[in-house]
Amino acid sequence: MAAGDAVRVRRNDYRSRRGEGEDVLNGFRGVVAEVDARRGARVEWRRQGRVHSAWIGPEAIARGDLSLGYAMTIAAAQGLTCERVHVYGVGADARSLYPAMTRSRKRADLYLAGEALADPALRGRLKDASGDKEVVRACISAYARTLAVRQEGLVIDELDQAPAPAAASGAGPVAPAQEAPVASAPQKARPLDAPVPLSRALGLKKGAGRSQGPRLPPPGAPRRRGPQV
């Protein structure tokens, strides 16, 4: 690092708790004001209209507490605005690409590595491309297929598919317990898109977890009198 470098703090340092000045928190972005072999780097950043400054020691820098801030993840860049952005799009999905491309006021450049997107169909199109425009079209077409919105599963869905607990170490196979058949009324098939009650998904019985305190009589019922002395 050198004076003038844009940097980003990567780890919380609660200095106020030790009586060593104000806190230096993860996510702070600033500029290196000066560098010293013994004290490390003095970083300046602006918050609430004031310029703040703090030294980041050599040990903290070696540990990764301070890094160059010219590039950051899409998640870390949300809420920021600058004149121009450069976005490496490989690995992004439809939800994250939009906030990445809208961080700039004037221009946003999207970079796609052909090797990262390469599949048999793309390789054939790149091989037969007659010019740069066809190469760009082929890469964009291959990239568009990776932007499909993935439907994230719910925890309840995973609970329904959870495997049975393994048998204890050293014990042989355990036969499932045989239960007597119980007659029950036929139930209507539930639609696949119908919501599943959380208690049912977790395998809880009706009334489980309720307080087992004294039961109160229903409203209007005559009260029982205890023995009188």
C-alpha atoms as a PDB file:
ATOM      1  CA  MET A   1       0.000   0.000   0.000  1.00  0.00           C
ATOM      2  CA  ALA A   2       1.046   3.556  -0.682  1.00  0.00           C
ATOM      3  CA  ALA A   3      -0.252   7.031   0.064  1.00  0.00           C
ATOM      4  CA  GLY A   4      -3.293   7.772  -2.070  1.00  0.00           C
ATOM      5  CA  ASP A   5      -4.533   4.166  -2.322  1.00  0.00           C
ATOM      6  CA  ALA A   6      -8.246   3.544  -1.841  1.00  0.00           C
ATOM      7  CA  VAL A   7      -8.672   1.005   0.967  1.00  0.00           C
ATOM      8  CA  ARG A   8     -11.418  -0.789   2.860  1.00  0.00           C
ATOM      9  CA  VAL A   9     -11.485  -1.951   6.492  1.00  0.00           C
ATOM     10  CA  ARG A  10     -12.269  -5.665   6.725  1.00  0.00           C
ATOM     11  CA  ARG A  11     -12.493  -6.235  10.472  1.00  0.00           C
ATOM     12  CA  ASN A  12     -14.051  -4.456  13.451  1.00  0.00           C
ATOM     13  CA  ASP A  13     -11.680  -2.794  15.907  1.00  0.00           C
ATOM     14  CA  TYR A  14     -13.577  -1.468  18.944  1.00  0.00           C
ATOM     15  CA  ARG A  15     -10.914   0.941  20.171  1.00  0.00           C
ATOM     16  CA  SER A  16     -13.310   2.970  22.292  1.00  0.00           C
ATOM     17  CA  ARG A  17     -13.687  -0.002  24.641  1.00  0.00           C
ATOM     18  CA  ARG A  18      -9.946   0.100  25.278  1.00  0.00           C
ATOM     19  CA  GLY A  19      -9.822   3.884  25.565  1.00  0.00           C
ATOM     20  CA  GLU A  20      -7.783   4.186  22.347  1.00  0.00           C
ATOM     21  CA  GLY A  21      -9.993   6.553  20.354  1.00  0.00           C
ATOM     22  CA  GLU A  22     -12.934   5.965  18.044  1.00  0.00           C
ATOM     23  CA  ASP A  23     -13.873   2.584  16.606  1.00  0.00           C
ATOM     24  CA  VAL A  24     -12.647   1.447  13.194  1.00  0.00           C
ATOM     25  CA  LEU A  25     -15.398  -0.747  11.798  1.00  0.00           C
ATOM     26  CA  ASN A  26     -15.674  -3.324   9.054  1.00  0.00           C
ATOM     27  CA  GLY A  27     -16.785  -1.731   5.780  1.00  0.00           C
ATOM     28  CA  PHE A  28     -15.184   1.685   6.304  1.00  0.00           C
ATOM     29  CA  ARG A  29     -13.774   2.974   3.013  1.00  0.00           C
ATOM     30  CA  GLY A  30     -11.026   5.574   2.951  1.00  0.00           C
ATOM     31  CA  VAL A  31      -7.748   6.726   1.498  1.00  0.00           C
ATOM     32  CA  VAL A  32      -4.226   6.071   2.772  1.00  0.00           C
ATOM     33  CA  ALA A  33      -2.855   9.415   3.937  1.00  0.00           C
ATOM     34  CA  GLU A  34       0.633   8.223   4.875  1.00  0.00           C
ATOM     35  CA  VAL A  35       2.623   5.052   5.442  1.00  0.00           C
ATOM     36  CA  ASP A  36       5.146   4.289   8.178  1.00  0.00           C
ATOM     37  CA  ALA A  37       7.196   1.109   8.546  1.00  0.00           C
ATOM     38  CA  ARG A  38       6.577   0.994  12.302  1.00  0.00           C
ATOM     39  CA  ARG A  39       3.045   2.368  12.648  1.00  0.00           C
ATOM     40  CA  GLY A  40       1.546   0.973   9.462  1.00  0.00           C
ATOM     41  CA  ALA A  41      -0.865   3.045   7.368  1.00  0.00           C
ATOM     42  CA  ARG A  42      -2.834   6.085   8.409  1.00  0.00           C
ATOM     43  CA  VAL A  43      -6.253   5.974   6.797  1.00  0.00           C
ATOM     44  CA  GLU A  44      -8.638   8.883   6.404  1.00  0.00           C
ATOM     45  CA  TRP A  45     -12.374   8.520   5.780  1.00  0.00           C
ATOM     46  CA  ARG A  46     -15.366  10.857   5.819  1.00  0.00           C
ATOM     47  CA  ARG A  47     -18.462  10.236   7.932  1.00  0.00           C
ATOM     48  CA  GLN A  48     -21.297  12.668   8.619  1.00  0.00           C
ATOM     49  CA  GLY A  49     -19.412  15.530   7.014  1.00  0.00           C
ATOM     50  CA  ARG A  50     -16.283  15.086   9.145  1.00  0.00           C
ATOM     51  CA  VAL A  51     -12.889  13.636   8.218  1.00  0.00           C
ATOM     52  CA  HIS A  52     -11.715  10.885  10.563  1.00  0.00           C
ATOM     53  CA  SER A  53      -8.261   9.341  10.737  1.00  0.00           C
ATOM     54  CA  ALA A  54      -6.728   6.236  12.317  1.00  0.00           C
ATOM     55  CA  TRP A  55      -3.534   4.213  12.119  1.00  0.00           C
ATOM     56  CA  ILE A  56      -3.788   0.566  11.061  1.00  0.00           C
ATOM     57  CA  GLY A  57      -0.775  -1.342  12.393  1.00  0.00           C
ATOM     58  CA  PRO A  58       1.464  -3.643  10.338  1.00  0.00           C
ATOM     59  CA  GLU A  59       0.190  -6.751  12.157  1.00  0.00           C
ATOM     60  CA  ALA A  60      -3.423  -5.862  11.376  1.00  0.00           C
ATOM     61  CA  ILE A  61      -2.570  -5.222   7.734  1.00  0.00           C
ATOM     62  CA  ALA A  62      -0.744  -8.561   7.479  1.00  0.00           C
ATOM     63  CA  ARG A  63      -3.788 -10.257   9.039  1.00  0.00           C
ATOM     64  CA  GLY A  64      -6.031  -8.801   6.320  1.00  0.00           C
ATOM     65  CA  ASP A  65      -7.828  -6.171   8.414  1.00  0.00           C
ATOM     66  CA  LEU A  66      -7.143  -3.593   5.696  1.00  0.00           C
ATOM     67  CA  SER A  67      -7.223  -4.229   1.945  1.00  0.00           C
ATOM     68  CA  LEU A  68      -7.250  -2.265  -1.271  1.00  0.00           C
ATOM     69  CA  GLY A  69     -10.727  -0.946  -1.972  1.00  0.00           C
ATOM     70  CA  TYR A  70     -10.751  -0.596  -5.744  1.00  0.00           C
ATOM     71  CA  ALA A  71     -12.964  -3.676  -6.110  1.00  0.00           C
ATOM     72  CA  MET A  72     -15.653  -5.121  -3.859  1.00  0.00           C
ATOM     73  CA  THR A  73     -18.436  -7.665  -3.938  1.00  0.00           C
ATOM     74  CA  ILE A  74     -21.872  -6.747  -5.274  1.00  0.00           C
ATOM     75  CA  ALA A  75     -23.370  -7.128  -1.803  1.00  0.00           C
ATOM     76  CA  ALA A  76     -20.842  -4.695  -0.319  1.00  0.00           C
ATOM     77  CA  ALA A  77     -21.462  -2.167  -3.109  1.00  0.00           C
ATOM     78  CA  GLN A  78     -25.221  -1.936  -2.592  1.00  0.00           C
ATOM     79  CA  GLY A  79     -26.227   1.596  -1.677  1.00  0.00           C
ATOM     80  CA  LEU A  80     -23.074   3.143  -3.169  1.00  0.00           C
ATOM     81  CA  THR A  81     -22.966   5.410  -6.226  1.00  0.00           C
ATOM     82  CA  CYS A  82     -20.042   6.439  -8.402  1.00  0.00           C
ATOM     83  CA  GLU A  83     -19.412   7.920 -11.838  1.00  0.00           C
ATOM     84  CA  ARG A  84     -18.430   4.644 -13.525  1.00  0.00           C
ATOM     85  CA  VAL A  85     -18.441   0.982 -12.536  1.00  0.00           C
ATOM     86  CA  HIS A  86     -16.787  -2.140 -13.913  1.00  0.00           C
ATOM     87  CA  VAL A  87     -18.744  -5.331 -13.218  1.00  0.00           C
ATOM     88  CA  TYR A  88     -17.349  -8.853 -13.521  1.00  0.00           C
ATOM     89  CA  GLY A  89     -20.583 -10.625 -14.290  1.00  0.00           C
ATOM     90  CA  VAL A  90     -19.608 -14.303 -14.206  1.00  0.00           C
ATOM     91  CA  GLY A  91     -21.256 -15.949 -11.192  1.00  0.00           C
ATOM     92  CA  ALA A  92     -23.919 -13.267 -10.710  1.00  0.00           C
ATOM     93  CA  ASP A  93     -27.607 -14.081 -10.993  1.00  0.00           C
ATOM     94  CA  ALA A  94     -30.547 -11.955 -12.092  1.00  0.00           C
ATOM     95  CA  ARG A  95     -31.109 -10.565  -8.598  1.00  0.00           C
ATOM     96  CA  SER A  96     -27.519  -9.444  -8.007  1.00  0.00           C
ATOM     97  CA  LEU A  97     -26.655  -8.234 -11.516  1.00  0.00           C
ATOM     98  CA  TYR A  98     -29.255  -5.456 -11.448  1.00  0.00           C
ATOM     99  CA  PRO A  99     -27.888  -3.645  -8.351  1.00  0.00           C
ATOM    100  CA  ALA A 100     -24.362  -4.110  -9.709  1.00  0.00           C
ATOM    101  CA  MET A 101     -25.152  -2.437 -13.024  1.00  0.00           C
ATOM    102  CA  THR A 102     -27.045   0.454 -11.405  1.00  0.00           C
ATOM    103  CA  ARG A 103     -24.261   1.748  -9.143  1.00  0.00           C
ATOM    104  CA  SER A 104     -23.003   4.268 -11.727  1.00  0.00           C
ATOM    105  CA  ARG A 105     -24.188   7.736 -12.681  1.00  0.00           C
ATOM    106  CA  LYS A 106     -22.727   7.775 -16.192  1.00  0.00           C
ATOM    107  CA  ARG A 107     -21.470   4.397 -17.381  1.00  0.00           C
ATOM    108  CA  ALA A 108     -21.396   0.732 -16.373  1.00  0.00           C
ATOM    109  CA  ASP A 109     -19.163  -1.811 -18.144  1.00  0.00           C
ATOM    110  CA  LEU A 110     -19.923  -5.543 -17.916  1.00  0.00           C
ATOM    111  CA  TYR A 111     -17.034  -7.976 -18.344  1.00  0.00           C
ATOM    112  CA  LEU A 112     -17.612 -11.599 -19.354  1.00  0.00           C
ATOM    113  CA  ALA A 113     -14.794 -14.128 -19.514  1.00  0.00           C
ATOM    114  CA  GLY A 114     -15.375 -16.474 -22.437  1.00  0.00           C
ATOM    115  CA  GLU A 115     -13.414 -19.245 -20.728  1.00  0.00           C
ATOM    116  CA  ALA A 116     -15.660 -19.068 -17.645  1.00  0.00           C
ATOM    117  CA  LEU A 117     -18.803 -19.310 -19.791  1.00  0.00           C
ATOM    118  CA  ALA A 118     -17.435 -21.917 -22.181  1.00  0.00           C
ATOM    119  CA  ASP A 119     -19.703 -24.859 -22.981  1.00  0.00           C
ATOM    120  CA  PRO A 120     -19.787 -27.056 -26.109  1.00  0.00           C
ATOM    121  CA  ALA A 121     -22.347 -24.820 -27.831  1.00  0.00           C
ATOM    122  CA  LEU A 122     -20.438 -21.628 -27.040  1.00  0.00           C
ATOM    123  CA  ARG A 123     -17.114 -23.072 -28.142  1.00  0.00           C
ATOM    124  CA  GLY A 124     -18.627 -23.930 -31.522  1.00  0.00           C
ATOM    125  CA  ARG A 125     -20.081 -20.456 -31.972  1.00  0.00           C
ATOM    126  CA  LEU A 126     -16.826 -18.761 -30.976  1.00  0.00           C
ATOM    127  CA  LYS A 127     -14.879 -20.975 -33.376  1.00  0.00           C
ATOM    128  CA  ASP A 128     -17.172 -20.095 -36.280  1.00  0.00           C
ATOM    129  CA  ALA A 129     -17.512 -16.405 -35.402  1.00  0.00           C
ATOM    130  CA  SER A 130     -16.557 -14.091 -38.242  1.00  0.00           C
ATOM    131  CA  GLY A 131     -15.949 -11.005 -36.147  1.00  0.00           C
ATOM    132  CA  ASP A 132     -15.957  -9.379 -32.735  1.00  0.00           C
ATOM    133  CA  LYS A 133     -19.689  -8.654 -32.861  1.00  0.00           C
ATOM    134  CA  GLU A 134     -20.542 -12.334 -33.248  1.00  0.00           C
ATOM    135  CA  VAL A 135     -18.187 -13.210 -30.382  1.00  0.00           C
ATOM    136  CA  VAL A 136     -19.941 -10.671 -28.153  1.00  0.00           C
ATOM    137  CA  ARG A 137     -23.384 -11.962 -29.134  1.00  0.00           C
ATOM    138  CA  ALA A 138     -22.337 -15.548 -28.440  1.00  0.00           C
ATOM    139  CA  CYS A 139     -20.970 -14.668 -24.990  1.00  0.00           C
ATOM    140  CA  ILE A 140     -24.052 -12.635 -24.064  1.00  0.00           C
ATOM    141  CA  SER A 141     -26.342 -15.437 -25.199  1.00  0.00           C
ATOM    142  CA  ALA A 142     -24.420 -17.962 -23.088  1.00  0.00           C
ATOM    143  CA  TYR A 143     -24.382 -15.565 -20.135  1.00  0.00           C
ATOM    144  CA  ALA A 144     -28.137 -14.960 -20.341  1.00  0.00           C
ATOM    145  CA  ARG A 145     -28.769 -18.652 -19.729  1.00  0.00           C
ATOM    146  CA  THR A 146     -26.908 -18.413 -16.404  1.00  0.00           C
ATOM    147  CA  LEU A 147     -29.120 -15.571 -15.169  1.00  0.00           C
ATOM    148  CA  ALA A 148     -32.196 -17.716 -14.619  1.00  0.00           C
ATOM    149  CA  VAL A 149     -33.753 -16.933 -11.251  1.00  0.00           C
ATOM    150  CA  ARG A 150     -33.290 -19.937  -8.997  1.00  0.00           C
ATOM    151  CA  GLN A 151     -36.176 -20.832  -6.720  1.00  0.00           C
ATOM    152  CA  GLU A 152     -34.633 -21.136  -3.278  1.00  0.00           C
ATOM    153  CA  GLY A 153     -36.032 -23.965  -1.168  1.00  0.00           C
ATOM    154  CA  LEU A 154     -37.517 -23.465   2.267  1.00  0.00           C
ATOM    155  CA  VAL A 155     -36.235 -24.988   5.478  1.00  0.00           C
ATOM    156  CA  ILE A 156     -39.581 -26.791   5.828  1.00  0.00           C
ATOM    157  CA  ASP A 157     -38.964 -28.558   2.505  1.00  0.00           C
ATOM    158  CA  GLU A 158     -35.610 -29.807   3.766  1.00  0.00           C
ATOM    159  CA  LEU A 159     -37.129 -31.016   7.035  1.00  0.00           C
ATOM    160  CA  ASP A 160     -39.557 -33.189   5.093  1.00  0.00           C
ATOM    161  CA  GLN A 161     -36.608 -34.812   3.312  1.00  0.00           C
ATOM    162  CA  ALA A 162     -34.374 -35.194   6.381  1.00  0.00           C
ATOM    163  CA  PRO A 163     -32.830 -38.683   6.688  1.00  0.00           C
ATOM    164  CA  ALA A 164     -33.645 -40.911   9.632  1.00  0.00           C
ATOM    165  CA  PRO A 165     -31.174 -40.739  12.559  1.00  0.00           C
ATOM    166  CA  ALA A 166     -28.307 -43.233  12.363  1.00  0.00           C
ATOM    167  CA  ALA A 167     -28.161 -46.159  14.774  1.00  0.00           C
ATOM    168  CA  ALA A 168     -25.894 -45.882  17.811  1.00  0.00           C
ATOM    169  CA  SER A 169     -22.255 -46.882  17.358  1.00  0.00           C
ATOM    170  CA  GLY A 170     -21.694 -50.599  17.891  1.00  0.00           C
ATOM    171  CA  ALA A 171     -25.359 -51.505  17.779  1.00  0.00           C
ATOM    172  CA  GLY A 172     -26.760 -53.785  15.129  1.00  0.00           C
ATOM    173  CA  PRO A 173     -29.578 -52.944  12.765  1.00  0.00           C
ATOM    174  CA  VAL A 174     -32.767 -51.998  14.509  1.00  0.00           C
ATOM    175  CA  ALA A 175     -36.045 -53.292  13.079  1.00  0.00           C
ATOM    176  CA  PRO A 176     -38.819 -50.732  12.812  1.00  0.00           C
ATOM    177  CA  ALA A 177     -41.444 -50.974  15.506  1.00  0.00           C
ATOM    178  CA  GLN A 178     -44.649 -52.687  14.426  1.00  0.00           C
ATOM    179  CA  GLU A 179     -47.699 -50.599  15.161  1.00  0.00           C
ATOM    180  CA  ALA A 180     -51.216 -51.900  15.249  1.00  0.00           C
ATOM    181  CA  PRO A 181     -53.328 -50.681  12.348  1.00  0.00           C
ATOM    182  CA  VAL A 182     -55.680 -47.876  13.287  1.00  0.00           C
ATOM    183  CA  ALA A 183     -58.838 -47.241  11.309  1.00  0.00           C
ATOM    184  CA  SER A 184     -59.148 -43.667  10.138  1.00  0.00           C
ATOM    185  CA  ALA A 185     -61.459 -41.729   7.921  1.00  0.00           C
ATOM    186  CA  PRO A 186     -60.207 -41.087   4.376  1.00  0.00           C
ATOM    187  CA  GLN A 187     -58.639 -37.666   3.956  1.00  0.00           C
ATOM    188  CA  LYS A 188     -58.785 -35.400   0.961  1.00  0.00           C
ATOM    189  CA  ALA A 189     -55.587 -35.006  -1.021  1.00  0.00           C
ATOM    190  CA  ARG A 190     -53.955 -31.663  -0.256  1.00  0.00           C
ATOM    191  CA  PRO A 191     -52.939 -29.553  -3.295  1.00  0.00           C
ATOM    192  CA  LEU A 192     -49.199 -29.446  -3.874  1.00  0.00           C
ATOM    193  CA  ASP A 193     -49.110 -25.664  -3.585  1.00  0.00           C
ATOM    194  CA  ALA A 194     -51.125 -25.532  -0.347  1.00  0.00           C
ATOM    195  CA  PRO A 195     -49.214 -24.147   2.669  1.00  0.00           C
ATOM    196  CA  VAL A 196     -47.964 -26.651   5.217  1.00  0.00           C
ATOM    197  CA  PRO A 197     -48.502 -25.781   8.908  1.00  0.00           C
ATOM    198  CA  LEU A 198     -45.174 -25.327  10.656  1.00  0.00           C
ATOM    199  CA  SER A 199     -46.181 -27.648  13.499  1.00  0.00           C
ATOM    200  CA  ARG A 200     -46.932 -30.403  11.004  1.00  0.00           C
ATOM    201  CA  ALA A 201     -43.664 -29.873   9.150  1.00  0.00           C
ATOM    202  CA  LEU A 202     -41.766 -30.119  12.436  1.00  0.00           C
ATOM    203  CA  GLY A 203     -43.624 -33.264  13.487  1.00  0.00           C
ATOM    204  CA  LEU A 204     -45.250 -31.682  16.538  1.00  0.00           C
ATOM    205  CA  LYS A 205     -48.429 -33.178  17.957  1.00  0.00           C
ATOM    206  CA  LYS A 206     -51.472 -31.073  18.475  1.00  0.00           C
ATOM    207  CA  GLY A 207     -51.227 -29.270  21.795  1.00  0.00           C
ATOM    208  CA  ALA A 208     -47.518 -30.074  22.255  1.00  0.00           C
ATOM    209  CA  GLY A 209     -45.559 -27.403  24.052  1.00  0.00           C
ATOM    210  CA  ARG A 210     -48.580 -25.931  25.800  1.00  0.00           C
ATOM    211  CA  SER A 211     -48.573 -25.239  29.478  1.00  0.00           C
ATOM    212  CA  GLN A 212     -49.879 -28.102  31.590  1.00  0.00           C
ATOM    213  CA  GLY A 213     -51.161 -25.806  34.391  1.00  0.00           C
ATOM    214  CA  PRO A 214     -54.583 -25.973  36.057  1.00  0.00           C
ATOM    215  CA  ARG A 215     -57.514 -26.048  33.644  1.00  0.00           C
ATOM    216  CA  LEU A 216     -60.127 -23.334  34.102  1.00  0.00           C
ATOM    217  CA  PRO A 217     -63.878 -24.146  33.875  1.00  0.00           C
ATOM    218  CA  PRO A 218     -65.697 -22.904  30.788  1.00  0.00           C
ATOM    219  CA  PRO A 219     -67.539 -19.587  31.079  1.00  0.00           C
ATOM    220  CA  GLY A 220     -70.913 -19.939  32.840  1.00  0.00           C
ATOM    221  CA  ALA A 221     -70.135 -23.263  34.519  1.00  0.00           C
ATOM    222  CA  PRO A 222     -71.005 -23.470  38.248  1.00  0.00           C
ATOM    223  CA  ARG A 223     -68.048 -23.175  40.527  1.00  0.00           C
ATOM    224  CA  ARG A 224     -67.228 -25.931  42.978  1.00  0.00           C
ATOM    225  CA  ARG A 225     -66.913 -24.862  46.559  1.00  0.00           C
ATOM    226  CA  GLY A 226     -64.140 -26.311  48.650  1.00  0.00           C
ATOM    227  CA  PRO A 227     -64.554 -27.585  52.214  1.00  0.00           C
ATOM    228  CA  GLN A 228     -65.517 -24.901  54.660  1.00  0.00           C
ATOM    229  CA  VAL A 229     -64.111 -24.664  58.176  1.00  0.00           C
END
